[in-house]
Protein backbone atom coordinates (compact mmCIF):
# COMPACT_ATOMS: atom_id res chain seq x y z
CA MET A 1 -49.39 -1.90 80.52
CA ASN A 2 -48.07 0.98 78.51
CA LEU A 3 -44.65 1.18 76.89
CA ILE A 4 -42.38 3.49 78.89
CA VAL A 5 -39.64 5.33 76.99
CA LYS A 6 -37.08 7.38 78.89
CA LYS A 7 -33.57 8.73 78.54
CA PHE A 8 -31.19 7.84 81.37
CA ASP A 9 -31.61 11.10 83.31
CA GLU A 10 -35.40 10.68 83.25
CA LEU A 11 -35.37 7.26 84.92
CA THR A 12 -36.38 7.14 88.56
CA THR A 13 -34.07 5.36 90.97
CA LYS A 14 -36.62 2.54 91.28
CA GLU A 15 -36.95 2.17 87.49
CA LEU A 16 -33.17 2.01 87.07
CA TYR A 17 -32.88 -0.54 89.86
CA GLU A 18 -35.63 -2.70 88.33
CA ILE A 19 -34.01 -2.47 84.87
CA LEU A 20 -30.63 -3.57 86.20
CA LYS A 21 -32.26 -6.33 88.25
CA ALA A 22 -34.12 -7.63 85.17
CA ARG A 23 -30.96 -7.56 83.05
CA ALA A 24 -29.08 -9.53 85.71
CA GLU A 25 -31.95 -12.02 86.03
CA ILE A 26 -31.96 -12.81 82.31
CA PHE A 27 -28.38 -12.44 81.14
CA ILE A 28 -26.43 -13.50 84.22
CA LYS A 29 -28.74 -15.84 86.12
CA GLU A 30 -30.85 -17.41 83.31
CA GLN A 31 -28.36 -17.38 80.42
CA GLY A 32 -25.17 -17.67 82.47
CA ILE A 33 -23.40 -14.85 80.65
CA ASN A 34 -20.50 -13.44 82.66
CA TYR A 35 -20.12 -9.87 81.47
CA GLN A 36 -19.88 -6.25 82.61
CA ASP A 37 -23.46 -5.01 82.20
CA MET A 38 -22.91 -1.38 83.14
CA ASP A 39 -20.95 -0.24 80.08
CA ASP A 40 -21.71 3.51 80.07
CA ILE A 41 -23.91 3.16 76.96
CA ASP A 42 -26.95 3.51 79.22
CA TYR A 43 -26.16 7.19 79.77
CA ASP A 44 -26.91 8.05 76.13
CA ALA A 45 -29.56 5.43 75.38
CA TYR A 46 -33.31 5.41 75.11
CA HIS A 47 -34.67 2.89 77.61
CA PHE A 48 -37.86 1.07 76.55
CA PHE A 49 -39.68 -1.03 79.11
CA TYR A 50 -42.93 -2.40 80.46
CA MET A 51 -43.62 -2.57 84.18
CA ASP A 52 -46.12 -4.81 85.95
CA ASN A 53 -46.63 -4.47 89.71
CA ASP A 54 -43.58 -2.16 89.92
CA LYS A 55 -41.32 -4.75 88.22
CA VAL A 56 -39.75 -4.52 84.79
CA VAL A 57 -41.17 -7.37 82.70
CA ALA A 58 -39.71 -6.43 79.30
CA TYR A 59 -36.83 -4.13 78.41
CA LEU A 60 -34.43 -3.00 75.72
CA ARG A 61 -32.26 -0.02 75.03
CA ALA A 62 -31.52 1.88 71.81
CA PHE A 63 -28.54 4.13 71.18
CA ASN A 64 -26.81 5.98 68.36
CA VAL A 65 -23.96 4.33 66.51
CA GLU A 66 -21.70 6.18 64.09
CA ASP A 67 -24.28 8.86 63.22
CA ASN A 68 -27.86 9.89 63.87
CA ASN A 69 -29.03 7.74 60.93
CA THR A 70 -28.39 4.45 62.74
CA LEU A 71 -29.61 3.24 66.10
CA GLN A 72 -28.58 -0.02 67.72
CA ILE A 73 -30.75 -1.96 70.13
CA GLY A 74 -29.51 -4.28 72.81
CA ARG A 75 -30.17 -5.87 76.17
CA VAL A 76 -33.49 -7.16 74.81
CA LEU A 77 -35.27 -9.19 77.48
CA THR A 78 -38.60 -10.39 78.78
CA LEU A 79 -39.29 -11.87 82.18
CA LYS A 80 -42.74 -13.14 81.16
CA HIS A 81 -41.82 -15.83 78.65
CA GLY A 82 -44.45 -17.06 76.21
CA GLU A 83 -46.81 -14.12 76.73
CA GLY A 84 -45.89 -12.07 73.65
CA MET A 85 -43.94 -9.44 75.57
CA GLY A 86 -40.91 -9.73 73.28
CA LYS A 87 -42.96 -9.00 70.19
CA ARG A 88 -44.84 -6.25 71.99
CA ILE A 89 -41.73 -4.38 73.14
CA MET A 90 -40.04 -4.77 69.75
CA GLU A 91 -43.06 -3.50 67.81
CA GLY A 92 -43.55 -0.62 70.26
CA THR A 93 -39.88 0.33 70.03
CA ILE A 94 -39.82 0.21 66.24
CA SER A 95 -42.98 2.33 66.05
CA TYR A 96 -41.54 4.89 68.49
CA LEU A 97 -38.21 5.12 66.65
CA LYS A 98 -39.95 5.60 63.30
CA GLU A 99 -42.12 8.40 64.66
CA PHE A 100 -39.84 10.24 67.07
CA THR A 101 -36.29 9.86 65.70
CA ASP A 102 -34.51 10.64 62.45
CA ALA A 103 -32.90 7.20 62.37
CA LYS A 104 -33.12 5.40 59.04
CA THR A 105 -31.64 2.10 60.19
CA LEU A 106 -32.00 -0.06 63.27
CA THR A 107 -29.27 -2.61 63.94
CA MET A 108 -28.60 -5.19 66.61
CA HIS A 109 -26.32 -8.05 67.61
CA ALA A 110 -28.87 -10.86 67.91
CA GLN A 111 -28.21 -14.08 69.75
CA LYS A 112 -28.26 -16.89 67.18
CA HIS A 113 -31.24 -18.67 68.74
CA ALA A 114 -33.39 -15.51 68.33
CA ILE A 115 -32.76 -14.89 64.62
CA GLY A 116 -36.14 -16.28 63.51
CA PHE A 117 -37.97 -14.06 66.01
CA TYR A 118 -36.29 -10.92 64.66
CA GLU A 119 -36.76 -11.97 61.03
CA LYS A 120 -40.53 -12.09 61.64
CA LEU A 121 -40.26 -8.41 62.66
CA GLY A 122 -38.55 -7.52 59.37
CA PHE A 123 -34.88 -7.69 60.39
CA MET A 124 -32.35 -9.16 57.95
CA THR A 125 -29.08 -10.86 58.85
CA VAL A 126 -25.88 -9.15 57.74
CA GLY A 127 -22.43 -10.70 57.68
CA GLU A 128 -21.10 -13.70 59.52
CA GLU A 129 -21.76 -15.06 62.98
CA PHE A 130 -19.44 -13.87 65.75
CA ILE A 131 -18.88 -14.49 69.44
CA GLU A 132 -19.84 -11.78 71.90
CA GLU A 133 -19.63 -12.51 75.64
CA ASP A 134 -19.14 -16.22 74.80
CA VAL A 135 -22.48 -16.35 72.92
CA VAL A 136 -22.92 -16.74 69.15
CA HIS A 137 -24.44 -13.57 67.64
CA ILE A 138 -25.15 -12.17 64.20
CA THR A 139 -25.73 -8.60 63.12
CA MET A 140 -29.28 -7.87 62.03
CA VAL A 141 -30.63 -4.74 60.34
CA LEU A 142 -34.07 -3.19 59.85
CA ASN A 143 -34.83 -0.21 57.61
CA LEU A 144 -36.96 2.32 59.52
CA LYS A 145 -37.72 4.80 56.70
């Protein structure tokens, strides 16, 4: 499997459908989060994903916040738990962003239970915990340059 990186307008209809299906599977069905997934951020985001047998098995998006120096990632998911796909998509995304963008900082709102995972990738916690979509999160930051 190769990491696929596309802007919204480059996604095929099937890719978009599989991305939305994967996001619903993880965040709504598995985690029970009741939220509006389609928030218009997708239009301006980079979409990073792996496909296996025409199905999205890992996904995240990255988008500008405030300026071109900071990108935020979100909707991080894997459908193949325990197979290293989370680490693989995060490392691939970080490598891509370092090489192909001018961003100096990568930020995210991490679910509390995933903090240790992101710390192993070099992210640092910033600020206090907060509730987002009824789930405890904390802001995490990684320097890209």
